[in-house]
Amino acid sequence: MPFIDDLRAPRGARRRRRRVGRGLGSGRGVYAGKGRKGQKARSGAGPRPGFEGGQTPLVKRLPFRRGVRGAGSNMTGGGPRPRPQEVRLRDLNRFASGTEVTPAVLRGAGLVGGGRVKVLATGQLRVALVVRAHGFTAGARKAIEAAGGRAEVLAR
């Protein structure tokens, strides 16, 4: 087994710094990769991103493109709206008939994490349950009622 003193970066992993402006023979002399005169040829940082030489920038010419726009953010800057946790009908068969199934019960059973819960119509429901969740698909609601249970929507 090699010692820590023997470890080295593989060949080609460490590159030398590019030394520009060191004469014609170096291949990077004269303008040193900066072209001719102008703001971008001077020392120091260049203009900020989006700067158009004093012309009104595109971001200001198009006012409807401003702000943080995440999916469902409604321009509030909140980013994407969190998706609800999904529970399938076939997963609800583990509960005894007549059980009141709430998000807390589902969390205790390990079917969902935290947050809002939506019931999907995947699989068949064979027991009559009172299911309280934040959302139901139309098929899930129909299947719960067909099995003799109730589907109740919780407040957002």
N, C-alpha and C. Protein backbone atom coordinates (compact mmCIF):
# COMPACT_ATOMS: atom_id res chain seq x y z
N MET A 1 0.85 -1.19 0.00
CA MET A 1 0.00 0.00 0.00
C MET A 1 0.89 1.24 0.00
N PRO A 2 0.60 2.23 -0.86
CA PRO A 2 1.48 3.40 -0.93
C PRO A 2 1.30 4.31 0.28
N PHE A 3 2.40 5.00 0.61
CA PHE A 3 2.33 5.97 1.69
C PHE A 3 1.76 7.27 1.16
N ILE A 4 1.25 8.09 2.06
CA ILE A 4 0.66 9.37 1.66
C ILE A 4 1.71 10.27 1.00
N ASP A 5 2.99 10.08 1.36
CA ASP A 5 4.06 10.88 0.77
C ASP A 5 4.27 10.55 -0.70
N ASP A 6 3.85 9.35 -1.10
CA ASP A 6 4.09 8.90 -2.47
C ASP A 6 2.97 9.29 -3.44
N LEU A 7 1.87 9.81 -2.91
CA LEU A 7 0.72 10.14 -3.77
C LEU A 7 1.02 11.33 -4.65
N ARG A 8 0.66 11.24 -5.92
CA ARG A 8 0.86 12.34 -6.85
C ARG A 8 -0.35 12.44 -7.76
N ALA A 9 -0.58 13.65 -8.29
CA ALA A 9 -1.64 13.82 -9.29
C ALA A 9 -1.19 13.11 -10.56
N PRO A 10 -2.10 12.50 -11.31
CA PRO A 10 -1.72 11.82 -12.55
C PRO A 10 -1.19 12.81 -13.58
N ARG A 11 -0.43 12.29 -14.56
CA ARG A 11 0.14 13.15 -15.59
C ARG A 11 -0.96 13.91 -16.32
N GLY A 12 -0.73 15.21 -16.52
CA GLY A 12 -1.70 16.04 -17.25
C GLY A 12 -2.80 16.62 -16.37
N ALA A 13 -2.86 16.22 -15.11
CA ALA A 13 -3.92 16.72 -14.23
C ALA A 13 -3.63 18.14 -13.75
N ARG A 14 -2.35 18.49 -13.65
CA ARG A 14 -1.99 19.81 -13.17
C ARG A 14 -1.36 20.59 -14.31
N ARG A 15 -2.02 21.66 -14.74
CA ARG A 15 -1.53 22.44 -15.87
C ARG A 15 -0.85 23.70 -15.38
N ARG A 16 0.11 24.13 -16.15
CA ARG A 16 0.81 25.36 -15.80
C ARG A 16 -0.05 26.56 -16.14
N ARG A 17 0.14 27.64 -15.38
CA ARG A 17 -0.59 28.88 -15.62
C ARG A 17 -0.17 29.45 -16.96
N ARG A 18 -1.12 30.01 -17.71
CA ARG A 18 -0.83 30.58 -19.03
C ARG A 18 -0.24 31.98 -18.84
N ARG A 19 1.02 32.18 -19.24
CA ARG A 19 1.69 33.47 -19.06
C ARG A 19 1.55 34.27 -20.35
N VAL A 20 0.67 35.26 -20.33
CA VAL A 20 0.41 36.06 -21.53
C VAL A 20 1.22 37.35 -21.49
N GLY A 21 1.42 37.93 -22.67
CA GLY A 21 2.12 39.21 -22.76
C GLY A 21 3.60 39.11 -22.47
N ARG A 22 4.25 38.00 -22.89
CA ARG A 22 5.68 37.82 -22.62
C ARG A 22 6.47 37.74 -23.92
N GLY A 23 6.12 38.58 -24.90
CA GLY A 23 6.92 38.66 -26.12
C GLY A 23 6.34 37.87 -27.27
N LEU A 24 6.79 38.24 -28.48
CA LEU A 24 6.26 37.62 -29.71
C LEU A 24 6.55 36.13 -29.78
N GLY A 25 7.71 35.73 -29.31
CA GLY A 25 8.09 34.32 -29.42
C GLY A 25 7.22 33.39 -28.61
N SER A 26 6.53 33.91 -27.59
CA SER A 26 5.72 33.05 -26.72
C SER A 26 4.41 32.63 -27.39
N GLY A 27 4.03 33.35 -28.44
CA GLY A 27 2.74 33.06 -29.08
C GLY A 27 1.59 33.77 -28.40
N ARG A 28 1.85 34.40 -27.26
CA ARG A 28 0.79 35.13 -26.56
C ARG A 28 1.28 36.52 -26.20
N GLY A 29 2.01 37.13 -27.12
CA GLY A 29 2.53 38.47 -26.88
C GLY A 29 1.61 39.52 -27.47
N VAL A 30 2.11 40.70 -27.74
CA VAL A 30 1.42 41.85 -28.32
C VAL A 30 0.13 42.15 -27.56
N TYR A 31 -1.02 41.68 -28.00
CA TYR A 31 -2.28 42.06 -27.36
C TYR A 31 -2.67 41.10 -26.23
N ALA A 32 -1.93 40.02 -26.07
CA ALA A 32 -2.13 39.08 -24.96
C ALA A 32 -3.55 38.51 -24.93
N GLY A 33 -4.09 38.21 -26.09
CA GLY A 33 -5.41 37.58 -26.15
C GLY A 33 -6.57 38.52 -25.94
N LYS A 34 -6.30 39.86 -25.87
CA LYS A 34 -7.38 40.80 -25.60
C LYS A 34 -7.83 41.57 -26.83
N GLY A 35 -7.30 41.24 -27.98
CA GLY A 35 -7.68 41.99 -29.17
C GLY A 35 -7.05 43.36 -29.15
N ARG A 36 -7.66 44.35 -29.86
CA ARG A 36 -7.08 45.70 -29.86
C ARG A 36 -7.67 46.55 -28.76
N LYS A 37 -7.76 47.87 -29.03
CA LYS A 37 -8.18 48.78 -27.97
C LYS A 37 -9.65 48.59 -27.58
N GLY A 38 -10.04 49.28 -26.52
CA GLY A 38 -11.44 49.26 -26.10
C GLY A 38 -11.56 48.88 -24.64
N GLN A 39 -12.79 48.93 -24.16
CA GLN A 39 -13.03 48.71 -22.74
C GLN A 39 -12.57 47.32 -22.28
N LYS A 40 -12.74 46.33 -23.14
CA LYS A 40 -12.37 44.97 -22.74
C LYS A 40 -10.88 44.70 -22.85
N ALA A 41 -10.12 45.64 -23.44
CA ALA A 41 -8.68 45.47 -23.55
C ALA A 41 -7.95 46.08 -22.36
N ARG A 42 -8.65 46.90 -21.57
CA ARG A 42 -8.01 47.60 -20.45
C ARG A 42 -7.84 46.67 -19.25
N SER A 43 -7.01 47.12 -18.30
CA SER A 43 -6.81 46.32 -17.10
C SER A 43 -8.05 46.42 -16.22
N GLY A 44 -8.17 45.52 -15.29
CA GLY A 44 -9.33 45.50 -14.41
C GLY A 44 -10.46 44.70 -15.02
N ALA A 45 -11.52 44.59 -14.28
CA ALA A 45 -12.67 43.82 -14.73
C ALA A 45 -13.36 44.53 -15.88
N GLY A 46 -14.05 43.78 -16.70
CA GLY A 46 -14.80 44.35 -17.81
C GLY A 46 -16.15 44.86 -17.34
N PRO A 47 -17.00 45.24 -18.29
CA PRO A 47 -18.33 45.73 -17.89
C PRO A 47 -19.15 44.60 -17.27
N ARG A 48 -20.13 44.99 -16.47
CA ARG A 48 -20.95 43.98 -15.77
C ARG A 48 -21.79 43.18 -16.78
N PRO A 49 -22.26 42.02 -16.42
CA PRO A 49 -23.10 41.23 -17.32
C PRO A 49 -24.37 42.01 -17.68
N GLY A 50 -24.75 41.98 -18.92
CA GLY A 50 -25.95 42.68 -19.36
C GLY A 50 -25.71 44.12 -19.78
N PHE A 51 -24.48 44.64 -19.57
CA PHE A 51 -24.18 46.03 -19.95
C PHE A 51 -24.04 46.11 -21.46
N GLU A 52 -24.71 47.11 -22.05
CA GLU A 52 -24.72 47.23 -23.51
C GLU A 52 -24.13 48.56 -23.95
N GLY A 53 -23.09 49.02 -23.28
CA GLY A 53 -22.40 50.22 -23.70
C GLY A 53 -23.19 51.49 -23.49
N GLY A 54 -24.09 51.52 -22.58
CA GLY A 54 -24.88 52.72 -22.31
C GLY A 54 -26.25 52.66 -22.95
N GLN A 55 -26.42 51.83 -23.95
CA GLN A 55 -27.76 51.61 -24.54
C GLN A 55 -28.64 50.97 -23.48
N THR A 56 -29.95 51.28 -23.50
CA THR A 56 -30.86 50.67 -22.53
C THR A 56 -30.78 49.15 -22.66
N PRO A 57 -30.42 48.46 -21.60
CA PRO A 57 -30.23 47.01 -21.70
C PRO A 57 -31.53 46.27 -22.00
N LEU A 58 -31.39 45.10 -22.57
CA LEU A 58 -32.54 44.28 -22.95
C LEU A 58 -33.46 44.03 -21.77
N VAL A 59 -32.89 43.78 -20.58
CA VAL A 59 -33.72 43.47 -19.42
C VAL A 59 -34.61 44.65 -19.03
N LYS A 60 -34.16 45.89 -19.37
CA LYS A 60 -35.00 47.06 -19.07
C LYS A 60 -35.96 47.37 -20.21
N ARG A 61 -35.61 46.96 -21.42
CA ARG A 61 -36.50 47.20 -22.57
C ARG A 61 -37.70 46.27 -22.54
N LEU A 62 -37.58 45.14 -21.87
CA LEU A 62 -38.67 44.16 -21.82
C LEU A 62 -39.15 44.04 -20.37
N PRO A 63 -40.01 44.93 -19.92
CA PRO A 63 -40.38 44.96 -18.50
C PRO A 63 -41.10 43.70 -18.03
N PHE A 64 -41.77 42.98 -18.93
CA PHE A 64 -42.52 41.80 -18.49
C PHE A 64 -41.61 40.62 -18.20
N ARG A 65 -40.31 40.76 -18.43
CA ARG A 65 -39.38 39.65 -18.16
C ARG A 65 -38.65 39.82 -16.83
N ARG A 66 -39.05 40.77 -16.01
CA ARG A 66 -38.32 41.02 -14.77
C ARG A 66 -38.83 40.13 -13.64
N GLY A 67 -38.02 40.01 -12.61
CA GLY A 67 -38.45 39.31 -11.40
C GLY A 67 -38.10 37.84 -11.42
N VAL A 68 -38.29 37.20 -10.28
CA VAL A 68 -38.03 35.78 -10.14
C VAL A 68 -39.26 35.04 -10.59
N ARG A 69 -39.08 34.12 -11.53
CA ARG A 69 -40.24 33.42 -12.07
C ARG A 69 -40.04 31.92 -11.92
N GLY A 70 -40.56 31.36 -10.85
CA GLY A 70 -40.52 29.92 -10.66
C GLY A 70 -41.88 29.35 -11.04
N ALA A 71 -41.98 28.05 -11.19
CA ALA A 71 -43.24 27.42 -11.54
C ALA A 71 -44.24 27.68 -10.43
N GLY A 72 -45.35 28.32 -10.74
CA GLY A 72 -46.40 28.58 -9.75
C GLY A 72 -46.05 29.67 -8.77
N SER A 73 -45.01 30.46 -9.05
CA SER A 73 -44.61 31.46 -8.07
C SER A 73 -45.48 32.70 -8.13
N ASN A 74 -46.16 32.91 -9.26
CA ASN A 74 -47.00 34.09 -9.44
C ASN A 74 -46.21 35.37 -9.21
N MET A 75 -44.92 35.35 -9.64
CA MET A 75 -44.02 36.51 -9.59
C MET A 75 -43.75 36.98 -8.16
N THR A 76 -43.95 36.12 -7.16
CA THR A 76 -43.71 36.54 -5.79
C THR A 76 -42.28 36.32 -5.38
N GLY A 77 -41.52 35.59 -6.20
CA GLY A 77 -40.14 35.30 -5.84
C GLY A 77 -40.01 34.09 -4.95
N GLY A 78 -41.09 33.36 -4.74
CA GLY A 78 -41.06 32.23 -3.83
C GLY A 78 -40.52 30.96 -4.44
N GLY A 79 -40.28 30.94 -5.73
CA GLY A 79 -39.78 29.71 -6.36
C GLY A 79 -40.91 28.73 -6.62
N PRO A 80 -40.55 27.53 -7.05
CA PRO A 80 -41.57 26.54 -7.38
C PRO A 80 -42.39 26.13 -6.17
N ARG A 81 -43.66 25.90 -6.39
CA ARG A 81 -44.56 25.47 -5.31
C ARG A 81 -44.24 24.01 -4.98
N PRO A 82 -44.15 23.64 -3.69
CA PRO A 82 -43.84 22.26 -3.36
C PRO A 82 -44.96 21.31 -3.81
N ARG A 83 -44.58 20.17 -4.36
CA ARG A 83 -45.57 19.20 -4.83
C ARG A 83 -46.12 18.41 -3.65
N PRO A 84 -47.42 18.03 -3.71
CA PRO A 84 -47.98 17.24 -2.61
C PRO A 84 -47.41 15.82 -2.60
N GLN A 85 -47.41 15.20 -1.44
CA GLN A 85 -47.02 13.80 -1.30
C GLN A 85 -48.16 12.96 -1.88
N GLU A 86 -47.82 11.94 -2.64
CA GLU A 86 -48.85 11.13 -3.31
C GLU A 86 -49.04 9.80 -2.60
N VAL A 87 -50.32 9.41 -2.42
CA VAL A 87 -50.67 8.12 -1.82
C VAL A 87 -51.60 7.41 -2.80
N ARG A 88 -51.33 6.12 -3.04
CA ARG A 88 -52.17 5.35 -3.96
C ARG A 88 -53.24 4.60 -3.20
N LEU A 89 -54.37 4.35 -3.87
CA LEU A 89 -55.48 3.64 -3.23
C LEU A 89 -55.04 2.28 -2.71
N ARG A 90 -54.20 1.57 -3.49
CA ARG A 90 -53.80 0.22 -3.08
C ARG A 90 -53.02 0.24 -1.76
N ASP A 91 -52.38 1.38 -1.44
CA ASP A 91 -51.63 1.48 -0.18
C ASP A 91 -52.56 1.65 1.02
N LEU A 92 -53.80 2.05 0.77
CA LEU A 92 -54.75 2.29 1.88
C LEU A 92 -55.41 1.00 2.35
N ASN A 93 -55.22 -0.12 1.62
CA ASN A 93 -55.83 -1.39 2.01
C ASN A 93 -55.25 -1.94 3.31
N ARG A 94 -54.12 -1.44 3.77
CA ARG A 94 -53.50 -1.93 5.00
C ARG A 94 -54.27 -1.50 6.24
N PHE A 95 -55.13 -0.47 6.13
CA PHE A 95 -55.89 0.02 7.28
C PHE A 95 -57.18 -0.77 7.45
N ALA A 96 -57.61 -0.93 8.70
CA ALA A 96 -58.85 -1.66 8.99
C ALA A 96 -60.06 -0.85 8.53
N SER A 97 -61.14 -1.55 8.21
CA SER A 97 -62.36 -0.89 7.75
C SER A 97 -62.88 0.07 8.81
N GLY A 98 -63.30 1.25 8.40
CA GLY A 98 -63.83 2.25 9.32
C GLY A 98 -62.77 3.17 9.90
N THR A 99 -61.50 2.94 9.57
CA THR A 99 -60.42 3.78 10.09
C THR A 99 -60.49 5.18 9.49
N GLU A 100 -60.15 6.17 10.32
CA GLU A 100 -60.08 7.54 9.83
C GLU A 100 -58.62 7.79 9.42
N VAL A 101 -58.38 7.90 8.11
CA VAL A 101 -57.02 8.06 7.58
C VAL A 101 -56.74 9.54 7.36
N THR A 102 -55.78 10.08 8.12
CA THR A 102 -55.39 11.49 8.00
C THR A 102 -53.91 11.54 7.59
N PRO A 103 -53.40 12.72 7.22
CA PRO A 103 -51.98 12.81 6.91
C PRO A 103 -51.07 12.34 8.05
N ALA A 104 -51.50 12.58 9.31
CA ALA A 104 -50.70 12.13 10.45
C ALA A 104 -50.64 10.61 10.52
N VAL A 105 -51.78 9.94 10.24
CA VAL A 105 -51.83 8.47 10.24
C VAL A 105 -50.94 7.93 9.12
N LEU A 106 -51.02 8.56 7.94
CA LEU A 106 -50.19 8.13 6.80
C LEU A 106 -48.71 8.31 7.10
N ARG A 107 -48.37 9.39 7.80
CA ARG A 107 -46.99 9.65 8.17
C ARG A 107 -46.50 8.58 9.14
N GLY A 108 -47.37 8.22 10.10
CA GLY A 108 -47.02 7.18 11.07
C GLY A 108 -46.81 5.82 10.42
N ALA A 109 -47.56 5.56 9.32
CA ALA A 109 -47.43 4.29 8.61
C ALA A 109 -46.26 4.31 7.64
N GLY A 110 -45.60 5.46 7.49
CA GLY A 110 -44.45 5.55 6.60
C GLY A 110 -44.81 5.69 5.14
N LEU A 111 -46.06 6.07 4.84
CA LEU A 111 -46.48 6.22 3.44
C LEU A 111 -46.13 7.58 2.87
N VAL A 112 -46.02 8.60 3.73
CA VAL A 112 -45.67 9.93 3.26
C VAL A 112 -44.68 10.56 4.24
N GLY A 113 -44.02 11.62 3.75
CA GLY A 113 -43.19 12.42 4.64
C GLY A 113 -44.05 13.55 5.18
N GLY A 114 -43.48 14.76 5.25
CA GLY A 114 -44.27 15.89 5.71
C GLY A 114 -44.97 16.56 4.53
N GLY A 115 -45.76 17.57 4.81
CA GLY A 115 -46.39 18.35 3.75
C GLY A 115 -47.80 17.89 3.40
N ARG A 116 -48.27 18.42 2.27
CA ARG A 116 -49.64 18.14 1.83
C ARG A 116 -49.72 16.76 1.20
N VAL A 117 -50.93 16.16 1.24
CA VAL A 117 -51.13 14.79 0.77
C VAL A 117 -52.23 14.77 -0.29
N LYS A 118 -51.97 14.04 -1.38
CA LYS A 118 -52.97 13.87 -2.44
C LYS A 118 -53.15 12.37 -2.67
N VAL A 119 -54.41 11.93 -2.80
CA VAL A 119 -54.72 10.51 -3.01
C VAL A 119 -54.95 10.28 -4.49
N LEU A 120 -54.22 9.29 -5.05
CA LEU A 120 -54.33 8.95 -6.47
C LEU A 120 -55.12 7.66 -6.64
N ALA A 121 -55.78 7.53 -7.79
CA ALA A 121 -56.62 6.35 -8.07
C ALA A 121 -55.80 5.23 -8.70
N THR A 122 -54.74 4.81 -8.02
CA THR A 122 -53.91 3.72 -8.54
C THR A 122 -54.18 2.48 -7.69
N GLY A 123 -54.64 1.42 -8.31
CA GLY A 123 -54.98 0.20 -7.58
C GLY A 123 -56.43 0.22 -7.15
N GLN A 124 -56.83 -0.82 -6.39
CA GLN A 124 -58.22 -0.92 -5.94
C GLN A 124 -58.29 -0.81 -4.43
N LEU A 125 -59.36 -0.21 -3.96
CA LEU A 125 -59.59 -0.08 -2.52
C LEU A 125 -60.64 -1.10 -2.12
N ARG A 126 -60.33 -1.95 -1.13
CA ARG A 126 -61.25 -3.03 -0.73
C ARG A 126 -61.85 -2.80 0.64
N VAL A 127 -61.48 -1.70 1.34
CA VAL A 127 -62.02 -1.43 2.67
C VAL A 127 -62.68 -0.06 2.70
N ALA A 128 -63.69 0.07 3.56
CA ALA A 128 -64.40 1.35 3.70
C ALA A 128 -63.64 2.22 4.69
N LEU A 129 -63.14 3.36 4.22
CA LEU A 129 -62.35 4.26 5.06
C LEU A 129 -62.87 5.68 4.97
N VAL A 130 -62.60 6.45 6.03
CA VAL A 130 -62.83 7.89 5.98
C VAL A 130 -61.44 8.50 5.73
N VAL A 131 -61.23 9.00 4.52
CA VAL A 131 -59.92 9.51 4.13
C VAL A 131 -59.95 11.03 4.11
N ARG A 132 -59.06 11.62 4.93
CA ARG A 132 -58.93 13.09 4.94
C ARG A 132 -57.57 13.44 4.36
N ALA A 133 -57.58 14.20 3.26
CA ALA A 133 -56.34 14.59 2.60
C ALA A 133 -56.52 15.97 1.99
N HIS A 134 -55.41 16.53 1.48
CA HIS A 134 -55.47 17.87 0.88
C HIS A 134 -55.99 17.84 -0.55
N GLY A 135 -55.98 16.67 -1.17
CA GLY A 135 -56.46 16.57 -2.54
C GLY A 135 -56.76 15.14 -2.93
N PHE A 136 -57.67 14.97 -3.88
CA PHE A 136 -58.04 13.66 -4.42
C PHE A 136 -58.18 13.79 -5.92
N THR A 137 -57.79 12.75 -6.66
CA THR A 137 -58.15 12.73 -8.07
C THR A 137 -59.61 12.31 -8.15
N ALA A 138 -60.26 12.62 -9.27
CA ALA A 138 -61.68 12.29 -9.41
C ALA A 138 -61.91 10.79 -9.27
N GLY A 139 -61.01 9.99 -9.86
CA GLY A 139 -61.14 8.53 -9.78
C GLY A 139 -60.95 8.02 -8.36
N ALA A 140 -60.05 8.64 -7.59
CA ALA A 140 -59.82 8.21 -6.21
C ALA A 140 -61.04 8.50 -5.35
N ARG A 141 -61.62 9.66 -5.53
CA ARG A 141 -62.83 10.02 -4.77
C ARG A 141 -63.95 9.03 -5.05
N LYS A 142 -64.14 8.71 -6.33
CA LYS A 142 -65.19 7.78 -6.74
C LYS A 142 -64.96 6.39 -6.15
N ALA A 143 -63.70 5.94 -6.18
CA ALA A 143 -63.38 4.60 -5.68
C ALA A 143 -63.57 4.50 -4.16
N ILE A 144 -63.21 5.56 -3.43
CA ILE A 144 -63.37 5.56 -1.97
C ILE A 144 -64.85 5.48 -1.62
N GLU A 145 -65.68 6.26 -2.32
CA GLU A 145 -67.13 6.25 -2.06
C GLU A 145 -67.76 4.94 -2.50
N ALA A 146 -67.26 4.32 -3.58
CA ALA A 146 -67.78 3.03 -4.05
C ALA A 146 -67.47 1.92 -3.04
N ALA A 147 -66.37 2.06 -2.30
CA ALA A 147 -66.00 1.06 -1.29
C ALA A 147 -66.75 1.29 0.02
N GLY A 148 -67.61 2.33 0.07
CA GLY A 148 -68.40 2.60 1.25
C GLY A 148 -67.76 3.60 2.20
N GLY A 149 -66.75 4.31 1.75
CA GLY A 149 -66.06 5.28 2.61
C GLY A 149 -66.40 6.70 2.26
N ARG A 150 -65.64 7.65 2.83
CA ARG A 150 -65.83 9.08 2.56
C ARG A 150 -64.49 9.71 2.25
N ALA A 151 -64.49 10.67 1.33
CA ALA A 151 -63.29 11.43 1.00
C ALA A 151 -63.52 12.88 1.40
N GLU A 152 -62.73 13.37 2.35
CA GLU A 152 -62.91 14.74 2.85
C GLU A 152 -61.63 15.54 2.55
N VAL A 153 -61.84 16.71 1.95
CA VAL A 153 -60.71 17.58 1.60
C VAL A 153 -60.35 18.46 2.78
N LEU A 154 -59.08 18.46 3.14
CA LEU A 154 -58.59 19.31 4.24
C LEU A 154 -58.33 20.72 3.71
N ALA A 155 -58.38 21.70 4.59
CA ALA A 155 -58.09 23.09 4.20
C ALA A 155 -56.64 23.20 3.78
N ARG A 156 -56.37 24.09 2.85
CA ARG A 156 -55.01 24.25 2.31
C ARG A 156 -54.17 24.79 3.38
